[in-house]
PDB file of N, CA and C in Angstrom:
ATOM      1  N   MET A   1      74.026  98.066  84.264  1.00  0.00           N
ATOM      2  CA  MET A   1      73.659  99.302  83.623  1.00  0.00           C
ATOM      3  C   MET A   1      72.773 100.134  84.550  1.00  0.00           C
ATOM      4  N   VAL A   2      71.838  99.490  85.202  1.00  0.00           N
ATOM      5  CA  VAL A   2      70.932 100.209  86.094  1.00  0.00           C
ATOM      6  C   VAL A   2      71.709 100.866  87.229  1.00  0.00           C
ATOM      7  N   THR A   3      72.688 100.164  87.771  1.00  0.00           N
ATOM      8  CA  THR A   3      73.475 100.727  88.871  1.00  0.00           C
ATOM      9  C   THR A   3      74.245 101.954  88.405  1.00  0.00           C
ATOM     10  N   ILE A   4      74.854 101.898  87.231  1.00  0.00           N
ATOM     11  CA  ILE A   4      75.599 103.045  86.709  1.00  0.00           C
ATOM     12  C   ILE A   4      74.652 104.215  86.474  1.00  0.00           C
ATOM     13  N   GLU A   5      73.446 103.943  85.972  1.00  0.00           N
ATOM     14  CA  GLU A   5      72.473 105.016  85.755  1.00  0.00           C
ATOM     15  C   GLU A   5      72.072 105.657  87.079  1.00  0.00           C
ATOM     16  N   ALA A   6      71.872 104.839  88.105  1.00  0.00           N
ATOM     17  CA  ALA A   6      71.538 105.380  89.426  1.00  0.00           C
ATOM     18  C   ALA A   6      72.693 106.209  89.969  1.00  0.00           C
ATOM     19  N   MET A   7      73.903 105.705  89.802  1.00  0.00           N
ATOM     20  CA  MET A   7      75.079 106.441  90.268  1.00  0.00           C
ATOM     21  C   MET A   7      75.207 107.772  89.529  1.00  0.00           C
ATOM     22  N   ALA A   8      74.923 107.773  88.224  1.00  0.00           N
ATOM     23  CA  ALA A   8      75.005 109.004  87.431  1.00  0.00           C
ATOM     24  C   ALA A   8      74.013 110.045  87.931  1.00  0.00           C
ATOM     25  N   ALA A   9      72.904 109.581  88.504  1.00  0.00           N
ATOM     26  CA  ALA A   9      71.907 110.491  89.071  1.00  0.00           C
ATOM     27  C   ALA A   9      72.277 110.923  90.485  1.00  0.00           C
ATOM     28  N   GLY A  10      73.418 110.449  90.974  1.00  0.00           N
ATOM     29  CA  GLY A  10      73.862 110.824  92.313  1.00  0.00           C
ATOM     30  C   GLY A  10      73.214 110.020  93.420  1.00  0.00           C
ATOM     31  N   LEU A  11      72.686 108.862  93.062  1.00  0.00           N
ATOM     32  CA  LEU A  11      72.044 108.011  94.061  1.00  0.00           C
ATOM     33  C   LEU A  11      73.043 106.998  94.602  1.00  0.00           C
ATOM     34  N   PRO A  12      73.239 106.963  95.906  1.00  0.00           N
ATOM     35  CA  PRO A  12      74.105 105.941  96.477  1.00  0.00           C
ATOM     36  C   PRO A  12      73.424 104.582  96.327  1.00  0.00           C
ATOM     37  N   CYS A  13      74.194 103.558  96.080  1.00  0.00           N
ATOM     38  CA  CYS A  13      73.629 102.239  95.804  1.00  0.00           C
ATOM     39  C   CYS A  13      74.108 101.204  96.811  1.00  0.00           C
ATOM     40  N   ILE A  14      73.279 100.200  96.985  1.00  0.00           N
ATOM     41  CA  ILE A  14      73.618  99.024  97.776  1.00  0.00           C
ATOM     42  C   ILE A  14      73.539  97.853  96.801  1.00  0.00           C
ATOM     43  N   VAL A  15      74.647  97.127  96.649  1.00  0.00           N
ATOM     44  CA  VAL A  15      74.714  96.046  95.662  1.00  0.00           C
ATOM     45  C   VAL A  15      75.335  94.801  96.285  1.00  0.00           C
ATOM     46  N   THR A  16      75.185  93.680  95.581  1.00  0.00           N
ATOM     47  CA  THR A  16      75.892  92.459  95.970  1.00  0.00           C
ATOM     48  C   THR A  16      77.166  92.376  95.129  1.00  0.00           C
ATOM     49  N   PRO A  17      78.132  91.553  95.515  1.00  0.00           N
ATOM     50  CA  PRO A  17      79.382  91.472  94.755  1.00  0.00           C
ATOM     51  C   PRO A  17      79.246  90.730  93.430  1.00  0.00           C
ATOM     52  N   MET A  18      78.076  90.241  93.116  1.00  0.00           N
ATOM     53  CA  MET A  18      77.884  89.473  91.890  1.00  0.00           C
ATOM     54  C   MET A  18      77.554  90.399  90.723  1.00  0.00           C
ATOM     55  N   GLY A  19      77.998  90.041  89.551  1.00  0.00           N
ATOM     56  CA  GLY A  19      77.662  90.791  88.352  1.00  0.00           C
ATOM     57  C   GLY A  19      78.457  92.066  88.201  1.00  0.00           C
ATOM     58  N   SER A  20      78.097  92.827  87.185  1.00  0.00           N
ATOM     59  CA  SER A  20      78.859  94.033  86.864  1.00  0.00           C
ATOM     60  C   SER A  20      78.726  95.106  87.934  1.00  0.00           C
ATOM     61  N   ALA A  21      77.570  95.211  88.579  1.00  0.00           N
ATOM     62  CA  ALA A  21      77.402  96.224  89.628  1.00  0.00           C
ATOM     63  C   ALA A  21      78.380  95.977  90.767  1.00  0.00           C
ATOM     64  N   GLY A  22      78.528  94.743  91.162  1.00  0.00           N
ATOM     65  CA  GLY A  22      79.477  94.409  92.219  1.00  0.00           C
ATOM     66  C   GLY A  22      80.910  94.653  91.798  1.00  0.00           C
ATOM     67  N   LEU A  23      81.220  94.312  90.549  1.00  0.00           N
ATOM     68  CA  LEU A  23      82.583  94.501  90.042  1.00  0.00           C
ATOM     69  C   LEU A  23      82.948  95.980  90.010  1.00  0.00           C
ATOM     70  N   VAL A  24      82.061  96.797  89.471  1.00  0.00           N
ATOM     71  CA  VAL A  24      82.315  98.245  89.418  1.00  0.00           C
ATOM     72  C   VAL A  24      82.460  98.800  90.827  1.00  0.00           C
ATOM     73  N   SER A  25      81.590  98.376  91.722  1.00  0.00           N
ATOM     74  CA  SER A  25      81.614  98.892  93.090  1.00  0.00           C
ATOM     75  C   SER A  25      82.869  98.475  93.838  1.00  0.00           C
ATOM     76  N   GLU A  26      83.303  97.229  93.644  1.00  0.00           N
ATOM     77  CA  GLU A  26      84.525  96.767  94.307  1.00  0.00           C
ATOM     78  C   GLU A  26      85.733  97.563  93.837  1.00  0.00           C
ATOM     79  N   ARG A  27      85.768  97.865  92.547  1.00  0.00           N
ATOM     80  CA  ARG A  27      86.928  98.571  91.987  1.00  0.00           C
ATOM     81  C   ARG A  27      86.918 100.065  92.276  1.00  0.00           C
ATOM     82  N   THR A  28      85.739 100.651  92.463  1.00  0.00           N
ATOM     83  CA  THR A  28      85.656 102.108  92.588  1.00  0.00           C
ATOM     84  C   THR A  28      85.213 102.598  93.955  1.00  0.00           C
ATOM     85  N   GLY A  29      84.565 101.723  94.731  1.00  0.00           N
ATOM     86  CA  GLY A  29      84.028 102.163  96.017  1.00  0.00           C
ATOM     87  C   GLY A  29      82.776 103.007  95.870  1.00  0.00           C
ATOM     88  N   GLY A  30      82.112 102.906  94.727  1.00  0.00           N
ATOM     89  CA  GLY A  30      80.954 103.755  94.461  1.00  0.00           C
ATOM     90  C   GLY A  30      79.643 103.280  95.045  1.00  0.00           C
ATOM     91  N   ALA A  31      79.650 102.184  95.775  1.00  0.00           N
ATOM     92  CA  ALA A  31      78.419 101.669  96.369  1.00  0.00           C
ATOM     93  C   ALA A  31      78.782 100.816  97.581  1.00  0.00           C
ATOM     94  N   LEU A  32      77.795 100.591  98.409  1.00  0.00           N
ATOM     95  CA  LEU A  32      77.990  99.670  99.535  1.00  0.00           C
ATOM     96  C   LEU A  32      77.735  98.258  99.019  1.00  0.00           C
ATOM     97  N   ILE A  33      78.613  97.348  99.368  1.00  0.00           N
ATOM     98  CA  ILE A  33      78.492  95.969  98.906  1.00  0.00           C
ATOM     99  C   ILE A  33      78.059  95.104 100.079  1.00  0.00           C
ATOM    100  N   VAL A  34      76.983  94.342  99.856  1.00  0.00           N
ATOM    101  CA  VAL A  34      76.451  93.464 100.897  1.00  0.00           C
ATOM    102  C   VAL A  34      76.534  92.016 100.436  1.00  0.00           C
ATOM    103  N   LYS A  35      76.549  91.120 101.408  1.00  0.00           N
ATOM    104  CA  LYS A  35      76.560  89.691 101.085  1.00  0.00           C
ATOM    105  C   LYS A  35      75.147  89.283 100.667  1.00  0.00           C
ATOM    106  N   PRO A  36      75.028  88.544  99.560  1.00  0.00           N
ATOM    107  CA  PRO A  36      73.701  88.110  99.120  1.00  0.00           C
ATOM    108  C   PRO A  36      72.997  87.294 100.202  1.00  0.00           C
ATOM    109  N   GLY A  37      71.782  87.655 100.499  1.00  0.00           N
ATOM    110  CA  GLY A  37      70.982  86.924 101.471  1.00  0.00           C
ATOM    111  C   GLY A  37      71.341  87.157 102.923  1.00  0.00           C
ATOM    112  N   ASP A  38      72.326  87.985 103.199  1.00  0.00           N
ATOM    113  CA  ASP A  38      72.754  88.257 104.573  1.00  0.00           C
ATOM    114  C   ASP A  38      71.972  89.453 105.113  1.00  0.00           C
ATOM    115  N   VAL A  39      70.942  89.153 105.872  1.00  0.00           N
ATOM    116  CA  VAL A  39      70.038  90.184 106.379  1.00  0.00           C
ATOM    117  C   VAL A  39      70.786  91.226 107.202  1.00  0.00           C
ATOM    118  N   ASP A  40      71.715  90.798 108.034  1.00  0.00           N
ATOM    119  CA  ASP A  40      72.461  91.747 108.866  1.00  0.00           C
ATOM    120  C   ASP A  40      73.311  92.687 108.007  1.00  0.00           C
ATOM    121  N   SER A  41      73.919  92.150 106.966  1.00  0.00           N
ATOM    122  CA  SER A  41      74.730  92.961 106.064  1.00  0.00           C
ATOM    123  C   SER A  41      73.865  94.001 105.348  1.00  0.00           C
ATOM    124  N   ILE A  42      72.708  93.565 104.874  1.00  0.00           N
ATOM    125  CA  ILE A  42      71.789  94.467 104.179  1.00  0.00           C
ATOM    126  C   ILE A  42      71.268  95.528 105.142  1.00  0.00           C
ATOM    127  N   ALA A  43      70.882  95.116 106.339  1.00  0.00           N
ATOM    128  CA  ALA A  43      70.373  96.068 107.333  1.00  0.00           C
ATOM    129  C   ALA A  43      71.445  97.086 107.706  1.00  0.00           C
ATOM    130  N   GLY A  44      72.682  96.635 107.841  1.00  0.00           N
ATOM    131  CA  GLY A  44      73.776  97.551 108.160  1.00  0.00           C
ATOM    132  C   GLY A  44      73.982  98.587 107.068  1.00  0.00           C
ATOM    133  N   ALA A  45      73.885  98.153 105.816  1.00  0.00           N
ATOM    134  CA  ALA A  45      74.037  99.090 104.694  1.00  0.00           C
ATOM    135  C   ALA A  45      72.897 100.100 104.680  1.00  0.00           C
ATOM    136  N   ILE A  46      71.699  99.650 104.960  1.00  0.00           N
ATOM    137  CA  ILE A  46      70.550 100.565 105.017  1.00  0.00           C
ATOM    138  C   ILE A  46      70.735 101.566 106.146  1.00  0.00           C
ATOM    139  N   ARG A  47      71.235 101.107 107.288  1.00  0.00           N
ATOM    140  CA  ARG A  47      71.494 102.030 108.403  1.00  0.00           C
ATOM    141  C   ARG A  47      72.527 103.080 108.001  1.00  0.00           C
ATOM    142  N   GLN A  48      73.572 102.654 107.286  1.00  0.00           N
ATOM    143  CA  GLN A  48      74.578 103.615 106.826  1.00  0.00           C
ATOM    144  C   GLN A  48      73.943 104.660 105.915  1.00  0.00           C
ATOM    145  N   MET A  49      73.027 104.243 105.063  1.00  0.00           N
ATOM    146  CA  MET A  49      72.372 105.168 104.138  1.00  0.00           C
ATOM    147  C   MET A  49      71.412 106.111 104.862  1.00  0.00           C
ATOM    148  N   ALA A  50      71.030 105.768 106.081  1.00  0.00           N
ATOM    149  CA  ALA A  50      70.145 106.643 106.851  1.00  0.00           C
ATOM    150  C   ALA A  50      70.880 107.885 107.338  1.00  0.00           C
ATOM    151  N   ASP A  51      72.190 107.847 107.341  1.00  0.00           N
ATOM    152  CA  ASP A  51      73.000 108.991 107.763  1.00  0.00           C
ATOM    153  C   ASP A  51      73.122 109.955 106.583  1.00  0.00           C
ATOM    154  N   GLU A  52      72.464 111.113 106.680  1.00  0.00           N
ATOM    155  CA  GLU A  52      72.402 112.059 105.554  1.00  0.00           C
ATOM    156  C   GLU A  52      73.767 112.484 105.027  1.00  0.00           C
ATOM    157  N   PRO A  53      74.716 112.902 105.885  1.00  0.00           N
ATOM    158  CA  PRO A  53      76.015 113.306 105.335  1.00  0.00           C
ATOM    159  C   PRO A  53      76.725 112.165 104.591  1.00  0.00           C
ATOM    160  N   ALA A  54      76.650 110.960 105.129  1.00  0.00           N
ATOM    161  CA  ALA A  54      77.293 109.815 104.470  1.00  0.00           C
ATOM    162  C   ALA A  54      76.609 109.511 103.146  1.00  0.00           C
ATOM    163  N   ARG A  55      75.281 109.570 103.139  1.00  0.00           N
ATOM    164  CA  ARG A  55      74.524 109.295 101.916  1.00  0.00           C
ATOM    165  C   ARG A  55      74.841 110.341 100.845  1.00  0.00           C
ATOM    166  N   ALA A  56      74.894 111.607 101.248  1.00  0.00           N
ATOM    167  CA  ALA A  56      75.194 112.678 100.293  1.00  0.00           C
ATOM    168  C   ALA A  56      76.607 112.529  99.732  1.00  0.00           C
ATOM    169  N   ALA A  57      77.558 112.192 100.598  1.00  0.00           N
ATOM    170  CA  ALA A  57      78.944 112.013 100.147  1.00  0.00           C
ATOM    171  C   ALA A  57      79.044 110.847  99.174  1.00  0.00           C
ATOM    172  N   MET A  58      78.376 109.745  99.481  1.00  0.00           N
ATOM    173  CA  MET A  58      78.415 108.595  98.591  1.00  0.00           C
ATOM    174  C   MET A  58      77.730 108.929  97.269  1.00  0.00           C
ATOM    175  N   GLY A  59      76.663 109.708  97.313  1.00  0.00           N
ATOM    176  CA  GLY A  59      75.985 110.117  96.084  1.00  0.00           C
ATOM    177  C   GLY A  59      76.896 110.940  95.190  1.00  0.00           C
ATOM    178  N   ARG A  60      77.646 111.858  95.784  1.00  0.00           N
ATOM    179  CA  ARG A  60      78.596 112.663  95.000  1.00  0.00           C
ATOM    180  C   ARG A  60      79.689 111.774  94.404  1.00  0.00           C
ATOM    181  N   GLN A  61      80.201 110.864  95.222  1.00  0.00           N
ATOM    182  CA  GLN A  61      81.239 109.942  94.745  1.00  0.00           C
ATOM    183  C   GLN A  61      80.687 109.071  93.615  1.00  0.00           C
ATOM    184  N   ALA A  62      79.465 108.594  93.779  1.00  0.00           N
ATOM    185  CA  ALA A  62      78.843 107.753  92.754  1.00  0.00           C
ATOM    186  C   ALA A  62      78.717 108.516  91.439  1.00  0.00           C
ATOM    187  N   ARG A  63      78.290 109.776  91.507  1.00  0.00           N
ATOM    188  CA  ARG A  63      78.147 110.591  90.298  1.00  0.00           C
ATOM    189  C   ARG A  63      79.500 110.755  89.596  1.00  0.00           C
ATOM    190  N   ASP A  64      80.536 111.024  90.378  1.00  0.00           N
ATOM    191  CA  ASP A  64      81.876 111.189  89.801  1.00  0.00           C
ATOM    192  C   ASP A  64      82.356 109.902  89.126  1.00  0.00           C
ATOM    193  N   ILE A  65      82.105 108.775  89.768  1.00  0.00           N
ATOM    194  CA  ILE A  65      82.524 107.488  89.209  1.00  0.00           C
ATOM    195  C   ILE A  65      81.752 107.184  87.927  1.00  0.00           C
ATOM    196  N   ALA A  66      80.445 107.426  87.955  1.00  0.00           N
ATOM    197  CA  ALA A  66      79.609 107.130  86.787  1.00  0.00           C
ATOM    198  C   ALA A  66      80.015 107.963  85.578  1.00  0.00           C
ATOM    199  N   ALA A  67      80.595 109.127  85.804  1.00  0.00           N
ATOM    200  CA  ALA A  67      81.029 109.977  84.691  1.00  0.00           C
ATOM    201  C   ALA A  67      82.065 109.267  83.820  1.00  0.00           C
ATOM    202  N   GLY A  68      82.772 108.314  84.382  1.00  0.00           N
ATOM    203  CA  GLY A  68      83.753 107.545  83.619  1.00  0.00           C
ATOM    204  C   GLY A  68      83.144 106.400  82.824  1.00  0.00           C
ATOM    205  N   PHE A  69      81.824 106.246  82.896  1.00  0.00           N
ATOM    206  CA  PHE A  69      81.155 105.148  82.204  1.00  0.00           C
ATOM    207  C   PHE A  69      80.209 105.638  81.116  1.00  0.00           C
ATOM    208  N   THR A  70      80.438 106.859  80.607  1.00  0.00           N
ATOM    209  CA  THR A  70      79.629 107.334  79.486  1.00  0.00           C
ATOM    210  C   THR A  70      80.010 106.536  78.247  1.00  0.00           C
ATOM    211  N   TRP A  71      79.161 106.574  77.230  1.00  0.00           N
ATOM    212  CA  TRP A  71      79.461 105.849  75.998  1.00  0.00           C
ATOM    213  C   TRP A  71      80.777 106.335  75.402  1.00  0.00           C
ATOM    214  N   GLN A  72      81.034 107.638  75.511  1.00  0.00           N
ATOM    215  CA  GLN A  72      82.275 108.183  74.967  1.00  0.00           C
ATOM    216  C   GLN A  72      83.492 107.604  75.687  1.00  0.00           C
ATOM    217  N   HIS A  73      83.443 107.571  77.020  1.00  0.00           N
ATOM    218  CA  HIS A  73      84.573 107.038  77.789  1.00  0.00           C
ATOM    219  C   HIS A  73      84.773 105.545  77.529  1.00  0.00           C
ATOM    220  N   VAL A  74      83.683 104.809  77.556  1.00  0.00           N
ATOM    221  CA  VAL A  74      83.776 103.362  77.344  1.00  0.00           C
ATOM    222  C   VAL A  74      84.265 103.071  75.927  1.00  0.00           C
ATOM    223  N   GLY A  75      83.732 103.798  74.944  1.00  0.00           N
ATOM    224  CA  GLY A  75      84.158 103.607  73.561  1.00  0.00           C
ATOM    225  C   GLY A  75      85.638 103.890  73.377  1.00  0.00           C
ATOM    226  N   LYS A  76      86.118 104.954  74.005  1.00  0.00           N
ATOM    227  CA  LYS A  76      87.538 105.296  73.900  1.00  0.00           C
ATOM    228  C   LYS A  76      88.404 104.204  74.514  1.00  0.00           C
ATOM    229  N   ARG A  77      88.013 103.719  75.707  1.00  0.00           N
ATOM    230  CA  ARG A  77      88.797 102.654  76.349  1.00  0.00           C
ATOM    231  C   ARG A  77      88.815 101.390  75.487  1.00  0.00           C
ATOM    232  N   ARG A  78      87.670 101.050  74.905  1.00  0.00           N
ATOM    233  CA  ARG A  78      87.620  99.856  74.047  1.00  0.00           C
ATOM    234  C   ARG A  78      88.488 100.055  72.809  1.00  0.00           C
ATOM    235  N   GLY A  79      88.382 101.237  72.196  1.00  0.00           N
ATOM    236  CA  GLY A  79      89.205 101.528  71.018  1.00  0.00           C
ATOM    237  C   GLY A  79      90.683 101.459  71.340  1.00  0.00           C
ATOM    238  N   ASP A  80      91.064 102.041  72.475  1.00  0.00           N
ATOM    239  CA  ASP A  80      92.469 101.997  72.902  1.00  0.00           C
ATOM    240  C   ASP A  80      92.931 100.556  73.116  1.00  0.00           C
ATOM    241  N   ALA A  81      92.056  99.737  73.692  1.00  0.00           N
ATOM    242  CA  ALA A  81      92.406  98.332  73.937  1.00  0.00           C
ATOM    243  C   ALA A  81      92.603  97.590  72.613  1.00  0.00           C
ATOM    244  N   ILE A  82      91.771  97.886  71.636  1.00  0.00           N
ATOM    245  CA  ILE A  82      91.900  97.238  70.325  1.00  0.00           C
ATOM    246  C   ILE A  82      93.214  97.641  69.663  1.00  0.00           C
ATOM    247  N   VAL A  83      93.562  98.919  69.753  1.00  0.00           N
ATOM    248  CA  VAL A  83      94.827  99.393  69.173  1.00  0.00           C
ATOM    249  C   VAL A  83      96.009  98.696  69.843  1.00  0.00           C
ATOM    250  N   ARG A  84      95.973  98.590  71.182  1.00  0.00           N
ATOM    251  CA  ARG A  84      97.070  97.916  71.900  1.00  0.00           C
ATOM    252  C   ARG A  84      97.167  96.451  71.488  1.00  0.00           C
ATOM    253  N   LEU A  85      96.030  95.794  71.380  1.00  0.00           N
ATOM    254  CA  LEU A  85      96.020  94.386  70.983  1.00  0.00           C
ATOM    255  C   LEU A  85      96.583  94.222  69.573  1.00  0.00           C
ATOM    256  N   ARG A  86      96.180  95.087  68.671  1.00  0.00           N
ATOM    257  CA  ARG A  86      96.684  95.026  67.295  1.00  0.00           C
ATOM    258  C   ARG A  86      98.203  95.203  67.271  1.00  0.00           C
ATOM    259  N   GLU A  87      98.711  96.136  68.075  1.00  0.00           N
ATOM    260  CA  GLU A  87     100.158  96.359  68.141  1.00  0.00           C
ATOM    261  C   GLU A  87     100.880  95.141  68.705  1.00  0.00           C
ATOM    262  N   GLN A  88     100.293  94.515  69.710  1.00  0.00           N
ATOM    263  CA  GLN A  88     100.898  93.316  70.288  1.00  0.00           C
ATOM    264  C   GLN A  88     100.930  92.179  69.270  1.00  0.00           C
ATOM    265  N   LEU A  89      99.864  92.045  68.505  1.00  0.00           N
ATOM    266  CA  LEU A  89      99.805  90.977  67.502  1.00  0.00           C
ATOM    267  C   LEU A  89     100.816  91.210  66.386  1.00  0.00           C
ATOM    268  N   ARG A  90     101.045  92.459  66.039  1.00  0.00           N
ATOM    269  CA  ARG A  90     102.043  92.766  65.006  1.00  0.00           C
ATOM    270  C   ARG A  90     103.445  92.381  65.465  1.00  0.00           C
ATOM    271  N   ARG A  91     103.702  92.568  66.762  1.00  0.00           N
ATOM    272  CA  ARG A  91     105.030  92.267  67.309  1.00  0.00           C
ATOM    273  C   ARG A  91     105.245  90.774  67.500  1.00  0.00           C
ATOM    274  N   ALA A  92     104.170  90.030  67.579  1.00  0.00           N
ATOM    275  CA  ALA A  92     104.272  88.585  67.866  1.00  0.00           C
ATOM    276  C   ALA A  92     104.723  87.788  66.673  1.00  0.00           C
TER     277      ALA A  92
END
């Protein structure tokens, strides 16, 4: 949740592949993903964020991605999934 909130504010993020932040980032490209405990990986991501144009571009991308995670969007996707599941169960 914290990562999505940061992305919604246009902040580029550095995350590990674990948990929901990593899952969202892997699927959307909205953050830099580093190996947990890998100092070189973390340092490389920080160096990338030091580049203003790259940081600004990632921030814009993050904001766009986070727009798909509003309560309205998530609620609609969940509702749609429930309807599809109900239809599948009726056919079974």
